[in-house]
PDB file of N, CA and C in Angstrom:
ATOM      1  N   LEU A   1     -17.350  69.586 -82.281  1.00  0.00           N
ATOM      2  CA  LEU A   1     -18.152  70.197 -83.329  1.00  0.00           C
ATOM      3  C   LEU A   1     -19.452  70.777 -82.786  1.00  0.00           C
ATOM      4  N   GLN A   2     -19.973  70.190 -81.717  1.00  0.00           N
ATOM      5  CA  GLN A   2     -21.238  70.670 -81.179  1.00  0.00           C
ATOM      6  C   GLN A   2     -21.118  72.092 -80.638  1.00  0.00           C
ATOM      7  N   GLN A   3     -19.917  72.526 -80.326  1.00  0.00           N
ATOM      8  CA  GLN A   3     -19.710  73.866 -79.785  1.00  0.00           C
ATOM      9  C   GLN A   3     -19.655  74.929 -80.877  1.00  0.00           C
ATOM     10  N   LEU A   4     -19.477  74.518 -82.128  1.00  0.00           N
ATOM     11  CA  LEU A   4     -19.369  75.485 -83.211  1.00  0.00           C
ATOM     12  C   LEU A   4     -20.743  76.041 -83.571  1.00  0.00           C
ATOM     13  N   PRO A   5     -20.802  77.326 -83.870  1.00  0.00           N
ATOM     14  CA  PRO A   5     -22.095  77.968 -84.187  1.00  0.00           C
ATOM     15  C   PRO A   5     -22.496  77.754 -85.644  1.00  0.00           C
ATOM     16  N   ILE A   6     -22.665  76.503 -86.029  1.00  0.00           N
ATOM     17  CA  ILE A   6     -22.982  76.192 -87.423  1.00  0.00           C
ATOM     18  C   ILE A   6     -24.406  75.650 -87.497  1.00  0.00           C
ATOM     19  N   ARG A   7     -25.191  76.238 -88.383  1.00  0.00           N
ATOM     20  CA  ARG A   7     -26.561  75.759 -88.561  1.00  0.00           C
ATOM     21  C   ARG A   7     -26.605  74.706 -89.663  1.00  0.00           C
ATOM     22  N   VAL A   8     -27.678  73.980 -89.719  1.00  0.00           N
ATOM     23  CA  VAL A   8     -27.883  72.966 -90.750  1.00  0.00           C
ATOM     24  C   VAL A   8     -28.401  73.656 -92.010  1.00  0.00           C
ATOM     25  N   ILE A   9     -27.865  73.255 -93.161  1.00  0.00           N
ATOM     26  CA  ILE A   9     -28.319  73.814 -94.435  1.00  0.00           C
ATOM     27  C   ILE A   9     -29.674  73.209 -94.766  1.00  0.00           C
ATOM     28  N   ASP A  10     -30.615  74.063 -95.108  1.00  0.00           N
ATOM     29  CA  ASP A  10     -31.963  73.624 -95.474  1.00  0.00           C
ATOM     30  C   ASP A  10     -32.015  73.432 -96.992  1.00  0.00           C
ATOM     31  N   PHE A  11     -31.917  72.189 -97.441  1.00  0.00           N
ATOM     32  CA  PHE A  11     -31.875  71.915 -98.874  1.00  0.00           C
ATOM     33  C   PHE A  11     -33.240  72.052 -99.542  1.00  0.00           C
ATOM     34  N   SER A  12     -34.267  72.375 -98.781  1.00  0.00           N
ATOM     35  CA  SER A  12     -35.558  72.697 -99.402  1.00  0.00           C
ATOM     36  C   SER A  12     -35.681  74.204 -99.634  1.00  0.00           C
ATOM     37  N   ASN A  13     -34.720  74.961 -99.134  1.00  0.00           N
ATOM     38  CA  ASN A  13     -34.671  76.412 -99.304  1.00  0.00           C
ATOM     39  C   ASN A  13     -33.788  76.724-100.512  1.00  0.00           C
ATOM     40  N   THR A  14     -34.364  77.345-101.541  1.00  0.00           N
ATOM     41  CA  THR A  14     -33.619  77.589-102.778  1.00  0.00           C
ATOM     42  C   THR A  14     -32.416  78.506-102.555  1.00  0.00           C
ATOM     43  N   ASP A  15     -32.504  79.452-101.635  1.00  0.00           N
ATOM     44  CA  ASP A  15     -31.360  80.323-101.355  1.00  0.00           C
ATOM     45  C   ASP A  15     -30.199  79.531-100.749  1.00  0.00           C
ATOM     46  N   ASP A  16     -30.505  78.630 -99.813  1.00  0.00           N
ATOM     47  CA  ASP A  16     -29.474  77.782 -99.219  1.00  0.00           C
ATOM     48  C   ASP A  16     -28.847  76.875-100.271  1.00  0.00           C
ATOM     49  N   VAL A  17     -29.665  76.301-101.127  1.00  0.00           N
ATOM     50  CA  VAL A  17     -29.166  75.400-102.167  1.00  0.00           C
ATOM     51  C   VAL A  17     -28.263  76.165-103.128  1.00  0.00           C
ATOM     52  N   ARG A  18     -28.691  77.347-103.525  1.00  0.00           N
ATOM     53  CA  ARG A  18     -27.892  78.168-104.444  1.00  0.00           C
ATOM     54  C   ARG A  18     -26.550  78.517-103.808  1.00  0.00           C
ATOM     55  N   ALA A  19     -26.572  78.928-102.554  1.00  0.00           N
ATOM     56  CA  ALA A  19     -25.331  79.280-101.853  1.00  0.00           C
ATOM     57  C   ALA A  19     -24.431  78.056-101.710  1.00  0.00           C
ATOM     58  N   HIS A  20     -25.016  76.921-101.365  1.00  0.00           N
ATOM     59  CA  HIS A  20     -24.255  75.676-101.227  1.00  0.00           C
ATOM     60  C   HIS A  20     -23.610  75.295-102.551  1.00  0.00           C
ATOM     61  N   ASN A  21     -24.377  75.344-103.629  1.00  0.00           N
ATOM     62  CA  ASN A  21     -23.855  74.973-104.942  1.00  0.00           C
ATOM     63  C   ASN A  21     -22.746  75.923-105.393  1.00  0.00           C
ATOM     64  N   ASP A  22     -22.887  77.199-105.066  1.00  0.00           N
ATOM     65  CA  ASP A  22     -21.853  78.179-105.373  1.00  0.00           C
ATOM     66  C   ASP A  22     -20.563  77.831-104.640  1.00  0.00           C
ATOM     67  N   ILE A  23     -20.683  77.465-103.384  1.00  0.00           N
ATOM     68  CA  ILE A  23     -19.515  77.090-102.581  1.00  0.00           C
ATOM     69  C   ILE A  23     -18.864  75.831-103.140  1.00  0.00           C
ATOM     70  N   VAL A  24     -19.657  74.856-103.508  1.00  0.00           N
ATOM     71  CA  VAL A  24     -19.117  73.612-104.071  1.00  0.00           C
ATOM     72  C   VAL A  24     -18.372  73.904-105.374  1.00  0.00           C
ATOM     73  N   GLY A  25     -18.979  74.706-106.241  1.00  0.00           N
ATOM     74  CA  GLY A  25     -18.336  75.047-107.511  1.00  0.00           C
ATOM     75  C   GLY A  25     -17.026  75.793-107.303  1.00  0.00           C
ATOM     76  N   ARG A  26     -17.020  76.730-106.359  1.00  0.00           N
ATOM     77  CA  ARG A  26     -15.803  77.487-106.069  1.00  0.00           C
ATOM     78  C   ARG A  26     -14.737  76.562-105.503  1.00  0.00           C
ATOM     79  N   GLN A  27     -15.144  75.618-104.662  1.00  0.00           N
ATOM     80  CA  GLN A  27     -14.162  74.691-104.089  1.00  0.00           C
ATOM     81  C   GLN A  27     -13.521  73.841-105.177  1.00  0.00           C
ATOM     82  N   MET A  28     -14.302  73.447-106.169  1.00  0.00           N
ATOM     83  CA  MET A  28     -13.750  72.683-107.299  1.00  0.00           C
ATOM     84  C   MET A  28     -12.697  73.515-108.035  1.00  0.00           C
ATOM     85  N   LYS A  29     -12.967  74.813-108.208  1.00  0.00           N
ATOM     86  CA  LYS A  29     -11.998  75.702-108.864  1.00  0.00           C
ATOM     87  C   LYS A  29     -10.742  75.849-108.017  1.00  0.00           C
ATOM     88  N   ILE A  30     -10.910  75.946-106.703  1.00  0.00           N
ATOM     89  CA  ILE A  30      -9.762  76.055-105.797  1.00  0.00           C
ATOM     90  C   ILE A  30      -8.872  74.827-105.937  1.00  0.00           C
ATOM     91  N   ILE A  31      -9.465  73.662-105.965  1.00  0.00           N
ATOM     92  CA  ILE A  31      -8.702  72.420-106.110  1.00  0.00           C
ATOM     93  C   ILE A  31      -7.997  72.386-107.463  1.00  0.00           C
ATOM     94  N   GLU A  32      -8.702  72.774-108.514  1.00  0.00           N
ATOM     95  CA  GLU A  32      -8.126  72.783-109.857  1.00  0.00           C
ATOM     96  C   GLU A  32      -6.923  73.726-109.937  1.00  0.00           C
ATOM     97  N   ILE A  33      -7.076  74.928-109.403  1.00  0.00           N
ATOM     98  CA  ILE A  33      -5.964  75.885-109.441  1.00  0.00           C
ATOM     99  C   ILE A  33      -4.807  75.397-108.575  1.00  0.00           C
ATOM    100  N   GLY A  34      -5.107  74.805-107.441  1.00  0.00           N
ATOM    101  CA  GLY A  34      -4.047  74.240-106.591  1.00  0.00           C
ATOM    102  C   GLY A  34      -3.256  73.179-107.331  1.00  0.00           C
ATOM    103  N   ASP A  35      -3.944  72.332-108.077  1.00  0.00           N
ATOM    104  CA  ASP A  35      -3.265  71.312-108.883  1.00  0.00           C
ATOM    105  C   ASP A  35      -2.398  71.954-109.961  1.00  0.00           C
ATOM    106  N   ARG A  36      -2.922  73.003-110.594  1.00  0.00           N
ATOM    107  CA  ARG A  36      -2.159  73.692-111.634  1.00  0.00           C
ATOM    108  C   ARG A  36      -0.918  74.371-111.055  1.00  0.00           C
ATOM    109  N   ILE A  37      -1.029  74.899-109.849  1.00  0.00           N
ATOM    110  CA  ILE A  37       0.127  75.511-109.188  1.00  0.00           C
ATOM    111  C   ILE A  37       1.203  74.456-108.937  1.00  0.00           C
ATOM    112  N   GLU A  38       0.792  73.303-108.470  1.00  0.00           N
ATOM    113  CA  GLU A  38       1.758  72.221-108.227  1.00  0.00           C
ATOM    114  C   GLU A  38       2.458  71.810-109.521  1.00  0.00           C
ATOM    115  N   GLN A  39       1.748  71.810-110.619  1.00  0.00           N
ATOM    116  CA  GLN A  39       2.323  71.403-111.899  1.00  0.00           C
ATOM    117  C   GLN A  39       3.288  72.439-112.464  1.00  0.00           C
ATOM    118  N   CYS A  40       3.117  73.701-112.109  1.00  0.00           N
ATOM    119  CA  CYS A  40       3.962  74.749-112.691  1.00  0.00           C
ATOM    120  C   CYS A  40       5.047  75.232-111.742  1.00  0.00           C
ATOM    121  N   ARG A  41       5.295  74.535-110.663  1.00  0.00           N
ATOM    122  CA  ARG A  41       6.349  74.946-109.722  1.00  0.00           C
ATOM    123  C   ARG A  41       7.651  75.139-110.500  1.00  0.00           C
ATOM    124  N   GLY A  42       8.336  76.217-110.220  1.00  0.00           N
ATOM    125  CA  GLY A  42       9.576  76.520-110.910  1.00  0.00           C
ATOM    126  C   GLY A  42       9.381  77.474-112.075  1.00  0.00           C
ATOM    127  N   ASN A  43       8.142  77.694-112.498  1.00  0.00           N
ATOM    128  CA  ASN A  43       7.857  78.628-113.588  1.00  0.00           C
ATOM    129  C   ASN A  43       7.042  79.779-113.004  1.00  0.00           C
ATOM    130  N   LEU A  44       7.752  80.786-112.518  1.00  0.00           N
ATOM    131  CA  LEU A  44       7.095  81.899-111.828  1.00  0.00           C
ATOM    132  C   LEU A  44       6.098  82.628-112.715  1.00  0.00           C
ATOM    133  N   ARG A  45       6.386  82.716-114.005  1.00  0.00           N
ATOM    134  CA  ARG A  45       5.488  83.430-114.913  1.00  0.00           C
ATOM    135  C   ARG A  45       4.097  82.792-114.934  1.00  0.00           C
ATOM    136  N   LYS A  46       4.044  81.486-114.820  1.00  0.00           N
ATOM    137  CA  LYS A  46       2.751  80.793-114.786  1.00  0.00           C
ATOM    138  C   LYS A  46       2.203  80.709-113.365  1.00  0.00           C
ATOM    139  N   CYS A  47       3.097  80.552-112.414  1.00  0.00           N
ATOM    140  CA  CYS A  47       2.682  80.261-111.040  1.00  0.00           C
ATOM    141  C   CYS A  47       2.106  81.482-110.311  1.00  0.00           C
ATOM    142  N   ILE A  48       2.716  82.629-110.455  1.00  0.00           N
ATOM    143  CA  ILE A  48       2.288  83.811-109.702  1.00  0.00           C
ATOM    144  C   ILE A  48       0.840  84.206-109.996  1.00  0.00           C
ATOM    145  N   PRO A  49       0.426  84.282-111.266  1.00  0.00           N
ATOM    146  CA  PRO A  49      -0.992  84.624-111.507  1.00  0.00           C
ATOM    147  C   PRO A  49      -1.951  83.578-110.936  1.00  0.00           C
ATOM    148  N   LEU A  50      -1.549  82.312-110.992  1.00  0.00           N
ATOM    149  CA  LEU A  50      -2.395  81.261-110.425  1.00  0.00           C
ATOM    150  C   LEU A  50      -2.505  81.415-108.908  1.00  0.00           C
ATOM    151  N   GLU A  51      -1.396  81.743-108.264  1.00  0.00           N
ATOM    152  CA  GLU A  51      -1.414  81.921-106.813  1.00  0.00           C
ATOM    153  C   GLU A  51      -2.301  83.099-106.425  1.00  0.00           C
ATOM    154  N   ARG A  52      -2.258  84.167-107.203  1.00  0.00           N
ATOM    155  CA  ARG A  52      -3.126  85.318-106.926  1.00  0.00           C
ATOM    156  C   ARG A  52      -4.598  84.938-107.093  1.00  0.00           C
ATOM    157  N   SER A  53      -4.889  84.206-108.157  1.00  0.00           N
ATOM    158  CA  SER A  53      -6.276  83.748-108.377  1.00  0.00           C
ATOM    159  C   SER A  53      -6.734  82.861-107.228  1.00  0.00           C
ATOM    160  N   LEU A  54      -5.843  81.991-106.775  1.00  0.00           N
ATOM    161  CA  LEU A  54      -6.176  81.095-105.669  1.00  0.00           C
ATOM    162  C   LEU A  54      -6.483  81.882-104.409  1.00  0.00           C
ATOM    163  N   GLU A  55      -5.661  82.878-104.101  1.00  0.00           N
ATOM    164  CA  GLU A  55      -5.896  83.700-102.913  1.00  0.00           C
ATOM    165  C   GLU A  55      -7.257  84.385-102.975  1.00  0.00           C
ATOM    166  N   GLU A  56      -7.608  84.927-104.130  1.00  0.00           N
ATOM    167  CA  GLU A  56      -8.898  85.604-104.297  1.00  0.00           C
ATOM    168  C   GLU A  56     -10.054  84.624-104.124  1.00  0.00           C
ATOM    169  N   LEU A  57      -9.911  83.441-104.710  1.00  0.00           N
ATOM    170  CA  LEU A  57     -10.974  82.430-104.588  1.00  0.00           C
ATOM    171  C   LEU A  57     -11.136  81.970-103.143  1.00  0.00           C
ATOM    172  N   VAL A  58     -10.031  81.758-102.460  1.00  0.00           N
ATOM    173  CA  VAL A  58     -10.093  81.300-101.059  1.00  0.00           C
ATOM    174  C   VAL A  58     -10.772  82.363-100.200  1.00  0.00           C
ATOM    175  N   GLU A  59     -10.445  83.627-100.435  1.00  0.00           N
ATOM    176  CA  GLU A  59     -11.082  84.703 -99.673  1.00  0.00           C
ATOM    177  C   GLU A  59     -12.579  84.771 -99.961  1.00  0.00           C
ATOM    178  N   ALA A  60     -12.945  84.670-101.241  1.00  0.00           N
ATOM    179  CA  ALA A  60     -14.367  84.683-101.619  1.00  0.00           C
ATOM    180  C   ALA A  60     -15.084  83.466-101.034  1.00  0.00           C
ATOM    181  N   GLN A  61     -14.386  82.336-101.004  1.00  0.00           N
ATOM    182  CA  GLN A  61     -14.973  81.113-100.457  1.00  0.00           C
ATOM    183  C   GLN A  61     -15.266  81.282 -98.971  1.00  0.00           C
ATOM    184  N   GLN A  62     -14.316  81.843 -98.245  1.00  0.00           N
ATOM    185  CA  GLN A  62     -14.525  82.030 -96.815  1.00  0.00           C
ATOM    186  C   GLN A  62     -15.701  82.961 -96.552  1.00  0.00           C
ATOM    187  N   LYS A  63     -15.803  84.023 -97.319  1.00  0.00           N
ATOM    188  CA  LYS A  63     -16.919  84.958 -97.152  1.00  0.00           C
ATOM    189  C   LYS A  63     -18.254  84.277 -97.456  1.00  0.00           C
ATOM    190  N   ALA A  64     -18.289  83.455 -98.501  1.00  0.00           N
ATOM    191  CA  ALA A  64     -19.522  82.751 -98.858  1.00  0.00           C
ATOM    192  C   ALA A  64     -19.921  81.759 -97.770  1.00  0.00           C
ATOM    193  N   ILE A  65     -18.945  81.061 -97.236  1.00  0.00           N
ATOM    194  CA  ILE A  65     -19.220  80.097 -96.159  1.00  0.00           C
ATOM    195  C   ILE A  65     -19.714  80.829 -94.917  1.00  0.00           C
ATOM    196  N   ASN A  66     -19.059  81.937 -94.590  1.00  0.00           N
ATOM    197  CA  ASN A  66     -19.500  82.728 -93.430  1.00  0.00           C
ATOM    198  C   ASN A  66     -20.949  83.164 -93.598  1.00  0.00           C
ATOM    199  N   LYS A  67     -21.279  83.635 -94.787  1.00  0.00           N
ATOM    200  CA  LYS A  67     -22.641  84.109 -95.050  1.00  0.00           C
ATOM    201  C   LYS A  67     -23.650  82.967 -94.970  1.00  0.00           C
ATOM    202  N   LEU A  68     -23.325  81.840 -95.589  1.00  0.00           N
ATOM    203  CA  LEU A  68     -24.245  80.692 -95.581  1.00  0.00           C
ATOM    204  C   LEU A  68     -24.550  80.237 -94.160  1.00  0.00           C
ATOM    205  N   TYR A  69     -23.517  80.180 -93.337  1.00  0.00           N
ATOM    206  CA  TYR A  69     -23.694  79.687 -91.978  1.00  0.00           C
ATOM    207  C   TYR A  69     -23.976  80.786 -90.967  1.00  0.00           C
ATOM    208  N   GLY A  70     -24.052  82.035 -91.433  1.00  0.00           N
ATOM    209  CA  GLY A  70     -24.367  83.134 -90.532  1.00  0.00           C
ATOM    210  C   GLY A  70     -23.296  83.370 -89.492  1.00  0.00           C
ATOM    211  N   MET A  71     -22.038  83.201 -89.883  1.00  0.00           N
ATOM    212  CA  MET A  71     -20.926  83.346 -88.941  1.00  0.00           C
ATOM    213  C   MET A  71     -20.219  84.673 -89.164  1.00  0.00           C
ATOM    214  N   SER A  72     -19.894  85.338 -88.084  1.00  0.00           N
ATOM    215  CA  SER A  72     -19.132  86.579 -88.149  1.00  0.00           C
ATOM    216  C   SER A  72     -17.645  86.242 -88.268  1.00  0.00           C
ATOM    217  N   ASP A  73     -16.849  87.236 -88.628  1.00  0.00           N
ATOM    218  CA  ASP A  73     -15.406  87.029 -88.700  1.00  0.00           C
ATOM    219  C   ASP A  73     -14.843  86.617 -87.337  1.00  0.00           C
ATOM    220  N   ASP A  74     -15.386  87.190 -86.270  1.00  0.00           N
ATOM    221  CA  ASP A  74     -14.921  86.834 -84.926  1.00  0.00           C
ATOM    222  C   ASP A  74     -15.212  85.369 -84.602  1.00  0.00           C
ATOM    223  N   GLU A  75     -16.381  84.884 -85.008  1.00  0.00           N
ATOM    224  CA  GLU A  75     -16.712  83.475 -84.774  1.00  0.00           C
ATOM    225  C   GLU A  75     -15.783  82.562 -85.568  1.00  0.00           C
ATOM    226  N   VAL A  76     -15.487  82.944 -86.792  1.00  0.00           N
ATOM    227  CA  VAL A  76     -14.597  82.133 -87.625  1.00  0.00           C
ATOM    228  C   VAL A  76     -13.215  82.057 -86.998  1.00  0.00           C
ATOM    229  N   LYS A  77     -12.743  83.158 -86.435  1.00  0.00           N
ATOM    230  CA  LYS A  77     -11.423  83.182 -85.797  1.00  0.00           C
ATOM    231  C   LYS A  77     -11.352  82.249 -84.593  1.00  0.00           C
ATOM    232  N   GLN A  78     -12.496  81.926 -84.003  1.00  0.00           N
ATOM    233  CA  GLN A  78     -12.520  81.044 -82.835  1.00  0.00           C
ATOM    234  C   GLN A  78     -12.387  79.576 -83.219  1.00  0.00           C
ATOM    235  N   ILE A  79     -12.598  79.260 -84.477  1.00  0.00           N
ATOM    236  CA  ILE A  79     -12.487  77.872 -84.921  1.00  0.00           C
ATOM    237  C   ILE A  79     -11.010  77.536 -85.046  1.00  0.00           C
ATOM    238  N   PRO A  80     -10.549  76.555 -84.306  1.00  0.00           N
ATOM    239  CA  PRO A  80      -9.116  76.231 -84.347  1.00  0.00           C
ATOM    240  C   PRO A  80      -8.727  75.621 -85.696  1.00  0.00           C
ATOM    241  N   GLN A  81      -7.513  75.895 -86.100  1.00  0.00           N
ATOM    242  CA  GLN A  81      -6.988  75.299 -87.312  1.00  0.00           C
ATOM    243  C   GLN A  81      -6.751  73.819 -87.066  1.00  0.00           C
ATOM    244  N   ILE A  82      -7.029  72.987 -88.053  1.00  0.00           N
ATOM    245  CA  ILE A  82      -6.811  71.526 -87.919  1.00  0.00           C
ATOM    246  C   ILE A  82      -5.358  71.251 -87.566  1.00  0.00           C
ATOM    247  N   SER A  83      -4.437  72.004 -88.192  1.00  0.00           N
ATOM    248  CA  SER A  83      -3.013  71.758 -87.908  1.00  0.00           C
ATOM    249  C   SER A  83      -2.688  72.029 -86.449  1.00  0.00           C
ATOM    250  N   LYS A  84      -3.380  72.980 -85.821  1.00  0.00           N
ATOM    251  CA  LYS A  84      -3.125  73.276 -84.415  1.00  0.00           C
ATOM    252  C   LYS A  84      -3.723  72.201 -83.512  1.00  0.00           C
ATOM    253  N   ILE A  85      -4.873  71.678 -83.915  1.00  0.00           N
ATOM    254  CA  ILE A  85      -5.529  70.641 -83.108  1.00  0.00           C
ATOM    255  C   ILE A  85      -4.679  69.381 -83.053  1.00  0.00           C
ATOM    256  N   TYR A  86      -4.095  69.006 -84.199  1.00  0.00           N
ATOM    257  CA  TYR A  86      -3.366  67.746 -84.292  1.00  0.00           C
ATOM    258  C   TYR A  86      -1.850  67.935 -84.209  1.00  0.00           C
ATOM    259  N   ALA A  87      -1.388  69.120 -83.862  1.00  0.00           N
ATOM    260  CA  ALA A  87       0.054  69.367 -83.777  1.00  0.00           C
ATOM    261  C   ALA A  87       0.657  68.571 -82.630  1.00  0.00           C
ATOM    262  N   ALA A  88       1.842  68.072 -82.878  1.00  0.00           N
ATOM    263  CA  ALA A  88       2.567  67.333 -81.823  1.00  0.00           C
ATOM    264  C   ALA A  88       3.232  68.334 -80.894  1.00  0.00           C
ATOM    265  N   ASN A  89       3.255  68.000 -79.634  1.00  0.00           N
ATOM    266  CA  ASN A  89       3.909  68.882 -78.643  1.00  0.00           C
ATOM    267  C   ASN A  89       5.385  68.643 -78.625  1.00  0.00           C
TER     268      ASN A  89
END
């Protein structure tokens, strides 16, 4: 983790707090929609719009996180996926 270009959030800075709270709120929505998708499996009419909403939220979430931490798309691409780190050979 020490190699990642991530700065510490300054919770005395109102802009950082606002951005952090926005990210937390969006993450709650992502979890909620993910749960709803799991509940509607097999019903494409309900599932497809939820999946589209989830994709949009995840993309917006990544952009917000990048902005908060001052990370470029190239820097984000350098962060290994957890599944790749813990994958069995």
